[in-house]
């Protein structure tokens, strides 16, 4: 089944993977503090994963011949599909993950990290110049740990769900 949104989802996942690799490379170089690298690049991983997730929801809507629009959650898409008397196992699976555990599964963690990175201006790093070529960076505290392992885990989980669900959709 041809889906116009598949390349967008794939591109966002690719960008997230590139940023995970970049975090690992920068940590090996050790030119900046590990925490600064993880937060700055980690937030971009989270953003790309969230955009991939939202594009994937639109891909699912298109697969079910549902009007294309920007969906922010599977719960929202599920309700929209229900209005047209359409059920989707893929969307139901994602909606269960969204509702389950309040931060205890990978999708809740992605939502929480995305919200934290976009909602809390107090968390942004403060940068002060101490000398001409020296910069001191103070990184704020974050509830959920945003590190390389977390970024790679979120990427792996979302990629696996997308791949598995696409296989199921192609079967019918």
N, C-alpha and C. Protein backbone atom coordinates (compact mmCIF):
# COMPACT_ATOMS: atom_id res chain seq x y z
N UNK A 1 0.85 -1.16 0.00
CA UNK A 1 0.00 0.00 0.00
C UNK A 1 0.91 1.24 0.00
N UNK A 2 0.70 2.07 -0.98
CA UNK A 2 1.50 3.30 -1.09
C UNK A 2 0.95 4.34 -0.12
N UNK A 3 1.84 4.92 0.62
CA UNK A 3 1.44 5.93 1.59
C UNK A 3 2.41 7.10 1.47
N UNK A 4 1.87 8.27 1.22
CA UNK A 4 2.69 9.45 0.99
C UNK A 4 3.44 9.90 2.24
N UNK A 5 3.00 9.51 3.40
CA UNK A 5 3.62 9.96 4.64
C UNK A 5 4.76 9.06 5.11
N UNK A 6 4.88 7.90 4.55
CA UNK A 6 5.93 6.96 4.95
C UNK A 6 7.32 7.58 4.86
N UNK A 7 7.66 8.28 3.75
CA UNK A 7 9.00 8.88 3.69
C UNK A 7 9.25 9.93 4.77
N UNK A 8 8.21 10.64 5.18
CA UNK A 8 8.37 11.65 6.23
C UNK A 8 8.69 10.97 7.56
N UNK A 9 7.96 9.92 7.87
CA UNK A 9 8.22 9.17 9.11
C UNK A 9 9.64 8.60 9.07
N UNK A 10 10.00 8.00 7.96
CA UNK A 10 11.35 7.42 7.82
C UNK A 10 12.43 8.48 7.98
N UNK A 11 12.20 9.65 7.39
CA UNK A 11 13.19 10.73 7.49
C UNK A 11 13.36 11.19 8.93
N UNK A 12 12.26 11.37 9.65
CA UNK A 12 12.34 11.79 11.05
C UNK A 12 13.04 10.74 11.90
N UNK A 13 12.77 9.48 11.66
CA UNK A 13 13.46 8.42 12.39
C UNK A 13 14.95 8.43 12.06
N UNK A 14 15.27 8.66 10.81
CA UNK A 14 16.67 8.74 10.39
C UNK A 14 17.38 9.90 11.09
N UNK A 15 16.72 11.06 11.13
CA UNK A 15 17.30 12.22 11.81
C UNK A 15 17.55 11.92 13.29
N UNK A 16 16.60 11.26 13.94
CA UNK A 16 16.76 10.90 15.35
C UNK A 16 17.97 9.96 15.53
N UNK A 17 18.11 9.00 14.63
CA UNK A 17 19.24 8.08 14.70
C UNK A 17 20.57 8.82 14.51
N UNK A 18 20.59 9.76 13.55
CA UNK A 18 21.79 10.56 13.34
C UNK A 18 22.19 11.33 14.59
N UNK A 19 21.19 11.90 15.27
CA UNK A 19 21.48 12.66 16.48
C UNK A 19 21.95 11.75 17.61
N UNK A 20 21.41 10.53 17.70
CA UNK A 20 21.92 9.58 18.70
C UNK A 20 23.39 9.27 18.42
N UNK A 21 23.71 9.05 17.15
CA UNK A 21 25.10 8.78 16.78
C UNK A 21 25.99 9.99 17.09
N UNK A 22 25.45 11.17 16.87
CA UNK A 22 26.20 12.40 17.14
C UNK A 22 26.49 12.55 18.63
N UNK A 23 25.52 12.22 19.47
CA UNK A 23 25.74 12.26 20.92
C UNK A 23 26.92 11.36 21.28
N UNK A 24 26.91 10.14 20.75
CA UNK A 24 27.99 9.19 21.06
C UNK A 24 29.34 9.72 20.58
N UNK A 25 29.39 10.31 19.39
CA UNK A 25 30.65 10.86 18.87
C UNK A 25 31.15 12.01 19.73
N UNK A 26 30.26 12.90 20.10
CA UNK A 26 30.66 14.06 20.91
C UNK A 26 31.13 13.64 22.30
N UNK A 27 30.51 12.61 22.84
CA UNK A 27 30.95 12.12 24.14
C UNK A 27 32.36 11.53 24.06
N UNK A 28 32.67 10.88 22.96
CA UNK A 28 34.01 10.33 22.78
C UNK A 28 35.04 11.45 22.64
N UNK A 29 34.66 12.53 21.99
CA UNK A 29 35.60 13.65 21.81
C UNK A 29 35.89 14.37 23.12
N UNK A 30 34.95 14.38 24.03
CA UNK A 30 35.09 14.96 25.38
C UNK A 30 35.48 16.44 25.35
N UNK A 31 34.95 17.20 24.41
CA UNK A 31 35.24 18.63 24.37
C UNK A 31 34.22 19.44 25.17
N UNK A 32 33.06 18.88 25.36
CA UNK A 32 32.02 19.52 26.17
C UNK A 32 31.59 18.55 27.26
N UNK A 33 31.04 19.07 28.34
CA UNK A 33 30.55 18.16 29.39
C UNK A 33 29.48 17.21 28.85
N UNK A 34 29.53 15.98 29.29
CA UNK A 34 28.61 14.94 28.84
C UNK A 34 27.16 15.38 28.98
N UNK A 35 26.82 15.99 30.09
CA UNK A 35 25.43 16.39 30.36
C UNK A 35 24.95 17.45 29.35
N UNK A 36 25.81 18.36 28.97
CA UNK A 36 25.45 19.40 28.00
C UNK A 36 25.16 18.76 26.64
N UNK A 37 26.01 17.84 26.23
CA UNK A 37 25.81 17.14 24.96
C UNK A 37 24.51 16.37 24.97
N UNK A 38 24.29 15.62 26.05
CA UNK A 38 23.08 14.81 26.14
C UNK A 38 21.83 15.66 26.12
N UNK A 39 21.84 16.78 26.83
CA UNK A 39 20.64 17.60 26.87
C UNK A 39 20.40 18.29 25.54
N UNK A 40 21.43 18.91 24.97
CA UNK A 40 21.22 19.67 23.74
C UNK A 40 20.86 18.76 22.56
N UNK A 41 21.64 17.71 22.36
CA UNK A 41 21.34 16.80 21.26
C UNK A 41 20.19 15.87 21.60
N UNK A 42 20.06 15.51 22.87
CA UNK A 42 18.96 14.65 23.30
C UNK A 42 17.61 15.28 23.05
N UNK A 43 17.52 16.59 23.29
CA UNK A 43 16.26 17.27 23.02
C UNK A 43 15.92 17.23 21.54
N UNK A 44 16.91 17.30 20.68
CA UNK A 44 16.63 17.22 19.25
C UNK A 44 16.20 15.79 18.87
N UNK A 45 16.76 14.78 19.52
CA UNK A 45 16.31 13.41 19.28
C UNK A 45 14.84 13.28 19.66
N UNK A 46 14.49 13.80 20.83
CA UNK A 46 13.10 13.73 21.30
C UNK A 46 12.17 14.45 20.32
N UNK A 47 12.59 15.63 19.85
CA UNK A 47 11.75 16.37 18.91
C UNK A 47 11.54 15.57 17.63
N UNK A 48 12.61 15.00 17.07
CA UNK A 48 12.47 14.22 15.83
C UNK A 48 11.61 12.98 16.05
N UNK A 49 11.76 12.34 17.20
CA UNK A 49 10.93 11.16 17.49
C UNK A 49 9.46 11.54 17.64
N UNK A 50 9.19 12.66 18.29
CA UNK A 50 7.80 13.09 18.44
C UNK A 50 7.20 13.45 17.08
N UNK A 51 7.98 14.13 16.24
CA UNK A 51 7.49 14.46 14.90
C UNK A 51 7.29 13.20 14.06
N UNK A 52 8.16 12.21 14.22
CA UNK A 52 8.00 10.93 13.53
C UNK A 52 6.72 10.24 14.00
N UNK A 53 6.49 10.27 15.31
CA UNK A 53 5.29 9.64 15.87
C UNK A 53 4.03 10.30 15.33
N UNK A 54 4.01 11.61 15.32
CA UNK A 54 2.83 12.33 14.82
C UNK A 54 2.62 12.09 13.33
N UNK A 55 3.69 12.06 12.57
CA UNK A 55 3.58 11.75 11.14
C UNK A 55 3.10 10.32 10.94
N UNK A 56 3.54 9.41 11.82
CA UNK A 56 3.09 8.03 11.72
C UNK A 56 1.59 7.93 12.01
N UNK A 57 1.10 8.72 12.95
CA UNK A 57 -0.35 8.72 13.20
C UNK A 57 -1.10 9.16 11.94
N UNK A 58 -0.59 10.17 11.26
CA UNK A 58 -1.21 10.61 10.00
C UNK A 58 -1.08 9.53 8.92
N UNK A 59 0.03 8.81 8.92
CA UNK A 59 0.22 7.69 7.99
C UNK A 59 -0.85 6.62 8.24
N UNK A 60 -1.11 6.33 9.51
CA UNK A 60 -2.16 5.36 9.84
C UNK A 60 -3.53 5.86 9.40
N UNK A 61 -3.80 7.12 9.62
CA UNK A 61 -5.09 7.69 9.18
C UNK A 61 -5.25 7.53 7.67
N UNK A 62 -4.18 7.81 6.94
CA UNK A 62 -4.22 7.66 5.48
C UNK A 62 -4.43 6.20 5.09
N UNK A 63 -3.81 5.29 5.81
CA UNK A 63 -3.95 3.86 5.51
C UNK A 63 -5.39 3.40 5.66
N UNK A 64 -6.12 4.04 6.54
CA UNK A 64 -7.53 3.71 6.77
C UNK A 64 -8.46 4.65 6.01
N UNK A 65 -7.92 5.32 4.99
CA UNK A 65 -8.68 6.25 4.14
C UNK A 65 -9.42 7.30 4.96
N UNK A 66 -8.76 7.74 5.99
CA UNK A 66 -9.33 8.76 6.87
C UNK A 66 -8.73 10.11 6.48
N UNK A 67 -9.50 11.18 6.65
CA UNK A 67 -8.97 12.50 6.27
C UNK A 67 -7.65 12.81 6.97
N UNK A 68 -6.74 13.32 6.17
CA UNK A 68 -5.41 13.63 6.69
C UNK A 68 -5.46 14.94 7.46
N UNK A 69 -4.94 14.91 8.65
CA UNK A 69 -4.78 16.10 9.48
C UNK A 69 -3.67 15.83 10.47
N UNK A 70 -3.31 16.85 11.23
CA UNK A 70 -2.24 16.69 12.22
C UNK A 70 -2.81 16.10 13.50
N UNK A 71 -2.42 14.87 13.79
CA UNK A 71 -2.84 14.21 15.03
C UNK A 71 -1.70 14.29 16.03
N UNK A 72 -2.04 14.62 17.27
CA UNK A 72 -1.01 14.72 18.30
C UNK A 72 -0.98 13.48 19.20
N UNK A 73 -2.00 12.66 19.10
CA UNK A 73 -2.02 11.44 19.92
C UNK A 73 -2.86 10.37 19.23
N UNK A 74 -2.58 9.12 19.58
CA UNK A 74 -3.36 8.01 19.05
C UNK A 74 -4.78 8.03 19.62
N UNK A 75 -4.92 8.51 20.83
CA UNK A 75 -6.25 8.63 21.43
C UNK A 75 -7.11 9.56 20.58
N UNK A 76 -6.53 10.66 20.14
CA UNK A 76 -7.23 11.61 19.28
C UNK A 76 -7.60 10.96 17.94
N UNK A 77 -6.66 10.25 17.33
CA UNK A 77 -6.93 9.58 16.06
C UNK A 77 -7.97 8.48 16.24
N UNK A 78 -7.89 7.73 17.32
CA UNK A 78 -8.85 6.66 17.57
C UNK A 78 -10.27 7.22 17.66
N UNK A 79 -10.43 8.35 18.35
CA UNK A 79 -11.74 8.99 18.46
C UNK A 79 -12.24 9.46 17.10
N UNK A 80 -11.33 9.99 16.30
CA UNK A 80 -11.69 10.45 14.97
C UNK A 80 -12.10 9.29 14.07
N UNK A 81 -11.38 8.17 14.17
CA UNK A 81 -11.75 6.98 13.40
C UNK A 81 -13.08 6.42 13.86
N UNK A 82 -13.33 6.44 15.17
CA UNK A 82 -14.58 5.92 15.71
C UNK A 82 -15.78 6.71 15.21
N UNK A 83 -15.60 7.99 14.98
CA UNK A 83 -16.68 8.81 14.42
C UNK A 83 -17.12 8.32 13.05
N UNK A 84 -16.22 7.67 12.33
CA UNK A 84 -16.50 7.12 10.99
C UNK A 84 -16.72 5.60 11.05
N UNK A 85 -16.87 5.06 12.26
CA UNK A 85 -17.09 3.63 12.48
C UNK A 85 -15.94 2.78 11.94
N UNK A 86 -14.72 3.27 12.13
CA UNK A 86 -13.52 2.55 11.70
C UNK A 86 -12.73 2.18 12.94
N UNK A 87 -12.29 0.92 13.00
CA UNK A 87 -11.44 0.47 14.09
C UNK A 87 -10.06 0.11 13.54
N UNK A 88 -9.04 0.41 14.31
CA UNK A 88 -7.67 0.12 13.90
C UNK A 88 -6.92 -0.51 15.07
N UNK A 89 -6.44 -1.72 14.84
CA UNK A 89 -5.65 -2.38 15.87
C UNK A 89 -4.36 -1.64 16.16
N UNK A 90 -3.76 -1.06 15.11
CA UNK A 90 -2.52 -0.32 15.27
C UNK A 90 -2.72 0.92 16.14
N UNK A 91 -3.77 1.65 15.85
CA UNK A 91 -4.06 2.86 16.61
C UNK A 91 -4.45 2.51 18.04
N UNK A 92 -5.20 1.44 18.21
CA UNK A 92 -5.58 0.99 19.56
C UNK A 92 -4.36 0.62 20.39
N UNK A 93 -3.40 -0.07 19.77
CA UNK A 93 -2.16 -0.43 20.47
C UNK A 93 -1.42 0.82 20.95
N UNK A 94 -1.30 1.80 20.06
CA UNK A 94 -0.61 3.04 20.43
C UNK A 94 -1.39 3.80 21.51
N UNK A 95 -2.71 3.82 21.40
CA UNK A 95 -3.53 4.52 22.40
C UNK A 95 -3.37 3.86 23.77
N UNK A 96 -3.29 2.53 23.81
CA UNK A 96 -3.06 1.82 25.08
C UNK A 96 -1.72 2.22 25.68
N UNK A 97 -0.70 2.31 24.84
CA UNK A 97 0.62 2.73 25.34
C UNK A 97 0.57 4.16 25.87
N UNK A 98 -0.16 5.03 25.18
CA UNK A 98 -0.26 6.43 25.63
C UNK A 98 -0.93 6.53 26.99
N UNK A 99 -1.95 5.71 27.19
CA UNK A 99 -2.71 5.79 28.44
C UNK A 99 -2.09 5.01 29.59
N UNK A 100 -1.20 4.10 29.28
CA UNK A 100 -0.69 3.16 30.27
C UNK A 100 0.49 3.71 31.06
N UNK A 101 0.39 3.70 32.36
CA UNK A 101 1.53 3.84 33.23
C UNK A 101 2.06 5.20 33.59
N UNK A 102 1.59 6.24 33.01
CA UNK A 102 2.06 7.60 33.34
C UNK A 102 3.58 7.66 33.47
N UNK A 103 4.26 7.47 32.36
CA UNK A 103 5.71 7.58 32.36
C UNK A 103 6.44 6.28 32.57
N UNK A 104 5.69 5.17 32.66
CA UNK A 104 6.34 3.90 32.95
C UNK A 104 6.61 3.08 31.69
N UNK A 105 6.25 3.58 30.53
CA UNK A 105 6.61 2.90 29.29
C UNK A 105 7.30 3.89 28.36
N UNK A 106 7.86 3.39 27.30
CA UNK A 106 8.68 4.22 26.41
C UNK A 106 7.89 5.36 25.78
N UNK A 107 6.63 5.12 25.42
CA UNK A 107 5.86 6.17 24.76
C UNK A 107 5.49 7.28 25.74
N UNK A 108 5.13 6.91 26.97
CA UNK A 108 4.90 7.93 27.99
C UNK A 108 6.17 8.72 28.26
N UNK A 109 7.31 8.05 28.28
CA UNK A 109 8.58 8.75 28.50
C UNK A 109 8.85 9.74 27.37
N UNK A 110 8.57 9.33 26.13
CA UNK A 110 8.75 10.24 25.00
C UNK A 110 7.86 11.46 25.14
N UNK A 111 6.59 11.25 25.46
CA UNK A 111 5.66 12.37 25.64
C UNK A 111 6.14 13.31 26.76
N UNK A 112 6.55 12.71 27.88
CA UNK A 112 7.00 13.50 29.02
C UNK A 112 8.25 14.31 28.69
N UNK A 113 9.23 13.67 28.06
CA UNK A 113 10.45 14.38 27.70
C UNK A 113 10.18 15.49 26.70
N UNK A 114 9.29 15.23 25.75
CA UNK A 114 8.93 16.26 24.77
C UNK A 114 8.27 17.45 25.46
N UNK A 115 7.34 17.15 26.34
CA UNK A 115 6.66 18.23 27.07
C UNK A 115 7.63 19.02 27.94
N UNK A 116 8.52 18.32 28.61
CA UNK A 116 9.50 19.01 29.45
C UNK A 116 10.41 19.91 28.62
N UNK A 117 10.79 19.47 27.45
CA UNK A 117 11.72 20.26 26.64
C UNK A 117 11.03 21.45 25.98
N UNK A 118 9.71 21.43 25.87
CA UNK A 118 9.01 22.54 25.22
C UNK A 118 8.28 23.45 26.19
N UNK A 119 8.01 22.98 27.41
CA UNK A 119 7.18 23.75 28.33
C UNK A 119 7.92 24.50 29.42
N UNK A 120 9.15 24.15 29.72
CA UNK A 120 9.80 24.68 30.91
C UNK A 120 10.99 25.57 30.57
N UNK A 121 10.77 26.88 30.43
CA UNK A 121 11.89 27.76 30.10
C UNK A 121 12.94 27.83 31.21
N UNK A 122 12.61 27.47 32.42
CA UNK A 122 13.56 27.47 33.53
C UNK A 122 14.65 26.42 33.34
N UNK A 123 14.35 25.37 32.55
CA UNK A 123 15.27 24.27 32.34
C UNK A 123 16.35 24.56 31.31
N UNK A 124 16.17 25.58 30.50
CA UNK A 124 17.15 25.85 29.46
C UNK A 124 18.50 26.19 30.06
N UNK A 125 19.57 25.76 29.40
CA UNK A 125 20.91 26.03 29.94
C UNK A 125 21.20 27.52 29.96
N UNK A 126 21.90 27.94 30.99
CA UNK A 126 22.34 29.33 31.04
C UNK A 126 23.81 29.36 30.64
N UNK A 127 24.16 30.30 29.80
CA UNK A 127 25.53 30.38 29.29
C UNK A 127 26.13 31.71 29.70
N UNK A 128 27.30 31.64 30.30
CA UNK A 128 28.00 32.87 30.69
C UNK A 128 29.44 32.80 30.22
N UNK A 129 29.96 33.90 29.79
CA UNK A 129 31.34 33.96 29.33
C UNK A 129 32.24 34.36 30.49
N UNK A 130 33.26 33.54 30.77
CA UNK A 130 34.21 33.85 31.84
C UNK A 130 35.48 34.45 31.27
N UNK A 131 35.81 34.10 30.08
CA UNK A 131 36.98 34.64 29.39
C UNK A 131 36.66 34.65 27.91
N UNK A 132 37.56 35.15 27.12
CA UNK A 132 37.30 35.29 25.70
C UNK A 132 36.93 33.95 25.05
N UNK A 133 37.64 32.88 25.37
CA UNK A 133 37.40 31.59 24.73
C UNK A 133 36.78 30.55 25.65
N UNK A 134 36.31 30.92 26.82
CA UNK A 134 35.78 29.97 27.77
C UNK A 134 34.31 30.24 28.01
N UNK A 135 33.53 29.19 27.99
CA UNK A 135 32.10 29.32 28.25
C UNK A 135 31.73 28.33 29.34
N UNK A 136 31.03 28.81 30.34
CA UNK A 136 30.54 27.94 31.41
C UNK A 136 29.06 27.70 31.16
N UNK A 137 28.64 26.46 31.23
CA UNK A 137 27.25 26.13 30.97
C UNK A 137 26.68 25.44 32.20
N UNK A 138 25.59 25.97 32.70
CA UNK A 138 24.90 25.35 33.82
C UNK A 138 23.62 24.73 33.29
N UNK A 139 23.44 23.44 33.48
CA UNK A 139 22.28 22.73 32.97
C UNK A 139 21.31 22.50 34.11
N UNK A 140 20.05 22.82 33.87
CA UNK A 140 19.01 22.67 34.88
C UNK A 140 18.66 21.22 35.14
N UNK A 141 17.96 20.97 36.20
CA UNK A 141 17.53 19.64 36.60
C UNK A 141 16.34 19.21 35.75
N UNK A 142 16.26 17.94 35.48
CA UNK A 142 15.20 17.40 34.66
C UNK A 142 14.64 16.17 35.35
N UNK A 143 13.29 16.02 35.35
CA UNK A 143 12.68 14.89 36.03
C UNK A 143 13.07 13.57 35.39
N UNK A 144 12.83 13.42 34.09
CA UNK A 144 13.21 12.21 33.38
C UNK A 144 14.61 12.39 32.83
N UNK A 145 15.43 11.40 32.99
CA UNK A 145 16.81 11.49 32.56
C UNK A 145 16.88 11.43 31.03
N UNK A 146 17.47 12.43 30.46
CA UNK A 146 17.67 12.48 29.02
C UNK A 146 19.14 12.22 28.75
N UNK A 147 19.46 10.97 28.38
CA UNK A 147 20.84 10.61 28.11
C UNK A 147 20.88 9.75 26.86
N UNK A 148 22.06 9.36 26.46
CA UNK A 148 22.21 8.59 25.23
C UNK A 148 21.41 7.29 25.29
N UNK A 149 21.48 6.58 26.40
CA UNK A 149 20.75 5.32 26.52
C UNK A 149 19.25 5.53 26.35
N UNK A 150 18.73 6.57 26.97
CA UNK A 150 17.30 6.88 26.84
C UNK A 150 16.94 7.20 25.40
N UNK A 151 17.75 8.04 24.76
CA UNK A 151 17.49 8.41 23.37
C UNK A 151 17.49 7.19 22.45
N UNK A 152 18.48 6.33 22.61
CA UNK A 152 18.57 5.13 21.78
C UNK A 152 17.40 4.19 22.06
N UNK A 153 17.03 4.06 23.32
CA UNK A 153 15.90 3.20 23.69
C UNK A 153 14.60 3.71 23.05
N UNK A 154 14.35 5.01 23.15
CA UNK A 154 13.14 5.58 22.56
C UNK A 154 13.13 5.39 21.04
N UNK A 155 14.28 5.62 20.42
CA UNK A 155 14.40 5.42 18.97
C UNK A 155 14.10 3.97 18.61
N UNK A 156 14.74 3.03 19.31
CA UNK A 156 14.56 1.61 19.01
C UNK A 156 13.11 1.19 19.17
N UNK A 157 12.46 1.66 20.22
CA UNK A 157 11.06 1.28 20.47
C UNK A 157 10.13 1.82 19.40
N UNK A 158 10.26 3.10 19.09
CA UNK A 158 9.38 3.69 18.07
C UNK A 158 9.64 3.05 16.71
N UNK A 159 10.89 2.86 16.36
CA UNK A 159 11.22 2.22 15.08
C UNK A 159 10.62 0.82 14.98
N UNK A 160 10.73 0.05 16.06
CA UNK A 160 10.20 -1.31 16.07
C UNK A 160 8.68 -1.32 15.93
N UNK A 161 7.99 -0.44 16.64
CA UNK A 161 6.53 -0.38 16.54
C UNK A 161 6.11 0.00 15.12
N UNK A 162 6.74 1.01 14.57
CA UNK A 162 6.40 1.44 13.21
C UNK A 162 6.64 0.30 12.22
N UNK A 163 7.79 -0.35 12.32
CA UNK A 163 8.11 -1.44 11.40
C UNK A 163 7.13 -2.60 11.53
N UNK A 164 6.85 -3.01 12.77
CA UNK A 164 5.92 -4.13 12.99
C UNK A 164 4.51 -3.80 12.52
N UNK A 165 4.06 -2.59 12.82
CA UNK A 165 2.70 -2.23 12.41
C UNK A 165 2.60 -2.08 10.89
N UNK A 166 3.64 -1.58 10.26
CA UNK A 166 3.62 -1.48 8.80
C UNK A 166 3.53 -2.87 8.17
N UNK A 167 4.24 -3.84 8.74
CA UNK A 167 4.16 -5.21 8.22
C UNK A 167 2.75 -5.76 8.33
N UNK A 168 2.10 -5.49 9.45
CA UNK A 168 0.72 -5.95 9.64
C UNK A 168 -0.23 -5.28 8.64
N UNK A 169 -0.04 -3.99 8.42
CA UNK A 169 -0.90 -3.27 7.47
C UNK A 169 -0.72 -3.78 6.05
N UNK A 170 0.50 -4.16 5.69
CA UNK A 170 0.76 -4.66 4.35
C UNK A 170 0.14 -6.03 4.11
N UNK A 171 -0.05 -6.78 5.20
CA UNK A 171 -0.62 -8.13 5.05
C UNK A 171 -2.07 -8.11 4.59
N UNK A 172 -2.80 -7.08 4.98
CA UNK A 172 -4.19 -7.05 4.52
C UNK A 172 -4.26 -6.08 3.41
